[in-house]
């Protein structure tokens, strides 16, 4: 199995440093290590304040990170194919 931390990241803009895009090979490695789960519109993957947030990789489509409606709902980011939730140090 390939060590995903050794695969190069596809970084091309300052936005990509905050929300990097995994290469096709990295997404394939992640799929082999996790489980594929379908997600529908309006599914909530992580609640604000949740202590242990799961790690998600977007394989296709997109999902939105939004600020809590209690805080005045606002779009924080849109993650697209190859992007992931969590921190980059999860790969090391």
N, C-alpha and C. Protein backbone atom coordinates (compact mmCIF):
# COMPACT_ATOMS: atom_id res chain seq x y z
N UNK A 1 0.85 -1.17 0.00
CA UNK A 1 0.00 0.00 0.00
C UNK A 1 0.89 1.24 0.00
N UNK A 2 0.48 2.25 -0.72
CA UNK A 2 1.23 3.50 -0.82
C UNK A 2 1.04 4.33 0.43
N UNK A 3 2.14 4.94 0.92
CA UNK A 3 2.07 5.87 2.05
C UNK A 3 1.58 7.20 1.49
N UNK A 4 0.35 7.57 1.82
CA UNK A 4 -0.26 8.77 1.24
C UNK A 4 0.50 10.03 1.59
N UNK A 5 1.21 10.06 2.72
CA UNK A 5 1.93 11.27 3.11
C UNK A 5 3.12 11.53 2.18
N UNK A 6 3.53 10.54 1.41
CA UNK A 6 4.65 10.69 0.49
C UNK A 6 4.23 11.15 -0.90
N UNK A 7 2.94 11.16 -1.17
CA UNK A 7 2.45 11.58 -2.49
C UNK A 7 2.38 13.09 -2.55
N UNK A 8 2.77 13.69 -3.69
CA UNK A 8 2.74 15.16 -3.80
C UNK A 8 1.31 15.68 -3.83
N UNK A 9 1.12 16.87 -3.25
CA UNK A 9 -0.18 17.53 -3.27
C UNK A 9 -0.25 18.42 -4.50
N UNK A 10 -1.46 18.63 -5.01
CA UNK A 10 -1.66 19.49 -6.16
C UNK A 10 -2.04 20.89 -5.67
N UNK A 11 -1.06 21.69 -5.26
CA UNK A 11 -1.32 23.04 -4.75
C UNK A 11 -1.02 24.06 -5.83
N UNK A 12 -2.00 24.93 -6.11
CA UNK A 12 -1.77 25.91 -7.17
C UNK A 12 -2.17 27.33 -6.78
N UNK A 13 -2.85 27.51 -5.66
CA UNK A 13 -3.26 28.85 -5.26
C UNK A 13 -3.22 28.96 -3.74
N UNK A 14 -3.25 30.19 -3.19
CA UNK A 14 -3.30 30.34 -1.73
C UNK A 14 -4.49 29.63 -1.11
N UNK A 15 -5.65 29.61 -1.78
CA UNK A 15 -6.82 28.90 -1.29
C UNK A 15 -6.51 27.41 -1.13
N UNK A 16 -5.70 26.85 -2.05
CA UNK A 16 -5.36 25.44 -2.00
C UNK A 16 -4.52 25.10 -0.77
N UNK A 17 -3.81 26.07 -0.20
CA UNK A 17 -3.03 25.79 1.00
C UNK A 17 -3.94 25.66 2.22
N UNK A 18 -5.09 26.29 2.18
CA UNK A 18 -6.06 26.15 3.26
C UNK A 18 -6.91 24.90 3.02
N UNK A 19 -7.32 24.70 1.80
CA UNK A 19 -8.12 23.55 1.40
C UNK A 19 -7.44 22.86 0.22
N UNK A 20 -6.37 22.09 0.48
CA UNK A 20 -5.64 21.45 -0.62
C UNK A 20 -6.50 20.43 -1.36
N UNK A 21 -6.08 20.12 -2.57
CA UNK A 21 -6.76 19.14 -3.41
C UNK A 21 -5.86 17.93 -3.52
N UNK A 22 -6.39 16.76 -3.16
CA UNK A 22 -5.64 15.52 -3.29
C UNK A 22 -5.56 15.11 -4.75
N UNK A 23 -4.49 14.45 -5.09
CA UNK A 23 -4.35 13.90 -6.43
C UNK A 23 -5.26 12.68 -6.57
N UNK A 24 -5.45 12.21 -7.78
CA UNK A 24 -6.27 11.01 -8.03
C UNK A 24 -5.69 9.83 -7.25
N UNK A 25 -4.36 9.69 -7.24
CA UNK A 25 -3.71 8.59 -6.52
C UNK A 25 -3.97 8.68 -5.01
N UNK A 26 -3.93 9.88 -4.47
CA UNK A 26 -4.20 10.06 -3.03
C UNK A 26 -5.65 9.74 -2.68
N UNK A 27 -6.58 10.16 -3.53
CA UNK A 27 -7.99 9.84 -3.29
C UNK A 27 -8.19 8.33 -3.32
N UNK A 28 -7.53 7.64 -4.25
CA UNK A 28 -7.63 6.19 -4.34
C UNK A 28 -7.07 5.53 -3.07
N UNK A 29 -5.97 6.04 -2.55
CA UNK A 29 -5.40 5.51 -1.30
C UNK A 29 -6.37 5.71 -0.15
N UNK A 30 -6.97 6.87 -0.08
CA UNK A 30 -7.90 7.16 1.00
C UNK A 30 -9.13 6.26 0.90
N UNK A 31 -9.61 6.01 -0.30
CA UNK A 31 -10.78 5.15 -0.49
C UNK A 31 -10.47 3.73 -0.01
N UNK A 32 -9.23 3.29 -0.22
CA UNK A 32 -8.84 1.95 0.22
C UNK A 32 -8.76 1.86 1.75
N UNK A 33 -8.50 2.97 2.41
CA UNK A 33 -8.34 2.98 3.87
C UNK A 33 -9.65 3.23 4.63
N UNK A 34 -10.62 3.79 3.94
CA UNK A 34 -11.87 4.16 4.62
C UNK A 34 -13.05 3.41 4.03
N UNK A 35 -14.18 4.05 4.11
CA UNK A 35 -15.37 3.47 3.50
C UNK A 35 -16.06 4.56 2.67
N UNK A 36 -16.67 4.14 1.59
CA UNK A 36 -17.36 5.07 0.71
C UNK A 36 -18.80 5.18 1.20
N UNK A 37 -19.23 6.41 1.32
CA UNK A 37 -20.55 6.68 1.88
C UNK A 37 -21.27 7.70 1.01
N UNK A 38 -22.47 7.37 0.54
CA UNK A 38 -23.23 8.36 -0.22
C UNK A 38 -23.76 9.44 0.72
N UNK A 39 -23.80 10.65 0.23
CA UNK A 39 -24.31 11.79 1.00
C UNK A 39 -25.33 12.51 0.14
N UNK A 40 -26.44 12.87 0.77
CA UNK A 40 -27.49 13.59 0.06
C UNK A 40 -27.50 15.06 0.45
N UNK A 41 -28.14 15.86 -0.35
CA UNK A 41 -28.29 17.28 -0.07
C UNK A 41 -28.92 17.45 1.31
N UNK A 42 -28.39 18.37 2.07
CA UNK A 42 -28.86 18.70 3.42
C UNK A 42 -28.46 17.70 4.49
N UNK A 43 -27.67 16.66 4.16
CA UNK A 43 -27.12 15.80 5.20
C UNK A 43 -26.12 16.61 6.02
N UNK A 44 -26.16 16.45 7.32
CA UNK A 44 -25.19 17.11 8.20
C UNK A 44 -24.13 16.08 8.56
N UNK A 45 -22.89 16.37 8.19
CA UNK A 45 -21.80 15.42 8.43
C UNK A 45 -21.14 15.63 9.79
N UNK A 46 -21.04 16.88 10.20
CA UNK A 46 -20.41 17.22 11.47
C UNK A 46 -21.19 18.37 12.10
N UNK A 47 -21.48 18.24 13.36
CA UNK A 47 -22.17 19.31 14.09
C UNK A 47 -21.14 20.22 14.76
N UNK A 48 -21.46 21.50 14.85
CA UNK A 48 -20.60 22.45 15.54
C UNK A 48 -20.39 21.99 16.98
N UNK A 49 -19.14 22.02 17.43
CA UNK A 49 -18.80 21.63 18.79
C UNK A 49 -18.56 20.14 18.98
N UNK A 50 -18.75 19.37 17.93
CA UNK A 50 -18.52 17.92 18.00
C UNK A 50 -17.06 17.67 18.34
N UNK A 51 -16.77 16.87 19.35
CA UNK A 51 -15.40 16.68 19.82
C UNK A 51 -14.52 15.94 18.82
N UNK A 52 -15.00 14.86 18.28
CA UNK A 52 -14.21 14.09 17.33
C UNK A 52 -14.91 14.10 15.98
N UNK A 53 -14.42 14.94 15.12
CA UNK A 53 -15.03 15.06 13.78
C UNK A 53 -14.41 14.00 12.87
N UNK A 54 -15.23 13.27 12.14
CA UNK A 54 -14.70 12.30 11.19
C UNK A 54 -13.97 12.99 10.03
N UNK A 55 -13.17 12.23 9.33
CA UNK A 55 -12.40 12.70 8.19
C UNK A 55 -13.18 12.34 6.93
N UNK A 56 -13.43 13.31 6.06
CA UNK A 56 -14.16 13.07 4.82
C UNK A 56 -13.33 13.54 3.64
N UNK A 57 -13.35 12.76 2.56
CA UNK A 57 -12.74 13.14 1.29
C UNK A 57 -13.88 13.22 0.28
N UNK A 58 -13.94 14.31 -0.46
CA UNK A 58 -14.98 14.47 -1.48
C UNK A 58 -14.51 13.74 -2.74
N UNK A 59 -15.23 12.72 -3.13
CA UNK A 59 -14.88 11.96 -4.34
C UNK A 59 -15.53 12.56 -5.58
N UNK A 60 -16.74 13.05 -5.42
CA UNK A 60 -17.43 13.72 -6.53
C UNK A 60 -18.45 14.67 -5.93
N UNK A 61 -18.84 15.64 -6.71
CA UNK A 61 -19.77 16.64 -6.22
C UNK A 61 -19.07 17.65 -5.32
N UNK A 62 -19.79 18.15 -4.35
CA UNK A 62 -19.23 19.15 -3.44
C UNK A 62 -20.02 19.14 -2.16
N UNK A 63 -19.44 19.70 -1.11
CA UNK A 63 -20.22 19.97 0.08
C UNK A 63 -19.80 21.29 0.68
N UNK A 64 -20.71 21.84 1.47
CA UNK A 64 -20.51 23.18 2.02
C UNK A 64 -20.20 23.11 3.50
N UNK A 65 -19.30 23.96 3.92
CA UNK A 65 -19.04 24.16 5.34
C UNK A 65 -19.75 25.46 5.68
N UNK A 66 -20.68 25.37 6.61
CA UNK A 66 -21.47 26.55 6.97
C UNK A 66 -21.36 26.84 8.46
N UNK A 67 -21.45 28.10 8.77
CA UNK A 67 -21.47 28.55 10.15
C UNK A 67 -22.85 28.22 10.73
N UNK A 68 -22.90 27.90 11.97
CA UNK A 68 -24.14 27.53 12.65
C UNK A 68 -25.23 28.59 12.46
N UNK A 69 -26.46 28.15 12.21
CA UNK A 69 -27.56 29.12 12.12
C UNK A 69 -27.70 29.97 13.39
N UNK A 70 -27.35 29.41 14.55
CA UNK A 70 -27.42 30.16 15.81
C UNK A 70 -26.46 31.34 15.79
N UNK A 71 -25.38 31.22 15.01
CA UNK A 71 -24.38 32.28 14.89
C UNK A 71 -24.67 33.20 13.70
N UNK A 72 -25.75 32.95 13.00
CA UNK A 72 -26.06 33.71 11.79
C UNK A 72 -25.50 32.97 10.59
N UNK A 73 -26.21 31.97 10.12
CA UNK A 73 -25.73 31.06 9.08
C UNK A 73 -24.98 31.79 7.97
N UNK A 74 -23.79 31.28 7.68
CA UNK A 74 -22.97 31.86 6.61
C UNK A 74 -22.14 30.76 5.98
N UNK A 75 -21.95 30.85 4.68
CA UNK A 75 -21.11 29.90 3.97
C UNK A 75 -19.65 30.19 4.29
N UNK A 76 -18.93 29.19 4.78
CA UNK A 76 -17.51 29.33 5.12
C UNK A 76 -16.65 28.88 3.95
N UNK A 77 -16.98 27.72 3.36
CA UNK A 77 -16.20 27.19 2.24
C UNK A 77 -17.02 26.15 1.51
N UNK A 78 -16.65 25.90 0.26
CA UNK A 78 -17.23 24.84 -0.54
C UNK A 78 -16.09 23.90 -0.91
N UNK A 79 -16.21 22.64 -0.50
CA UNK A 79 -15.19 21.65 -0.84
C UNK A 79 -15.67 20.84 -2.03
N UNK A 80 -14.75 20.63 -2.96
CA UNK A 80 -15.08 19.91 -4.19
C UNK A 80 -14.23 18.65 -4.31
N UNK A 81 -14.41 17.94 -5.39
CA UNK A 81 -13.73 16.67 -5.61
C UNK A 81 -12.24 16.78 -5.31
N UNK A 82 -11.75 15.85 -4.48
CA UNK A 82 -10.33 15.81 -4.12
C UNK A 82 -10.01 16.58 -2.85
N UNK A 83 -10.93 17.38 -2.35
CA UNK A 83 -10.68 18.12 -1.11
C UNK A 83 -11.19 17.30 0.06
N UNK A 84 -10.78 17.69 1.27
CA UNK A 84 -11.10 16.88 2.44
C UNK A 84 -11.32 17.76 3.66
N UNK A 85 -11.97 17.17 4.66
CA UNK A 85 -12.15 17.84 5.94
C UNK A 85 -11.01 17.43 6.85
N UNK A 86 -10.77 18.22 7.87
CA UNK A 86 -9.70 17.89 8.81
C UNK A 86 -8.45 18.68 8.50
N UNK A 87 -7.38 18.31 9.17
CA UNK A 87 -6.13 19.03 9.02
C UNK A 87 -5.14 18.24 8.19
N UNK A 88 -4.27 18.95 7.49
CA UNK A 88 -3.27 18.33 6.63
C UNK A 88 -2.34 17.41 7.43
N UNK A 89 -2.10 17.72 8.71
CA UNK A 89 -1.19 16.88 9.49
C UNK A 89 -1.77 15.49 9.75
N UNK A 90 -3.01 15.24 9.40
CA UNK A 90 -3.59 13.90 9.53
C UNK A 90 -2.88 12.90 8.60
N UNK A 91 -2.18 13.42 7.61
CA UNK A 91 -1.49 12.55 6.65
C UNK A 91 -0.12 12.10 7.15
N UNK A 92 0.40 12.77 8.18
CA UNK A 92 1.75 12.38 8.64
C UNK A 92 1.72 11.45 9.82
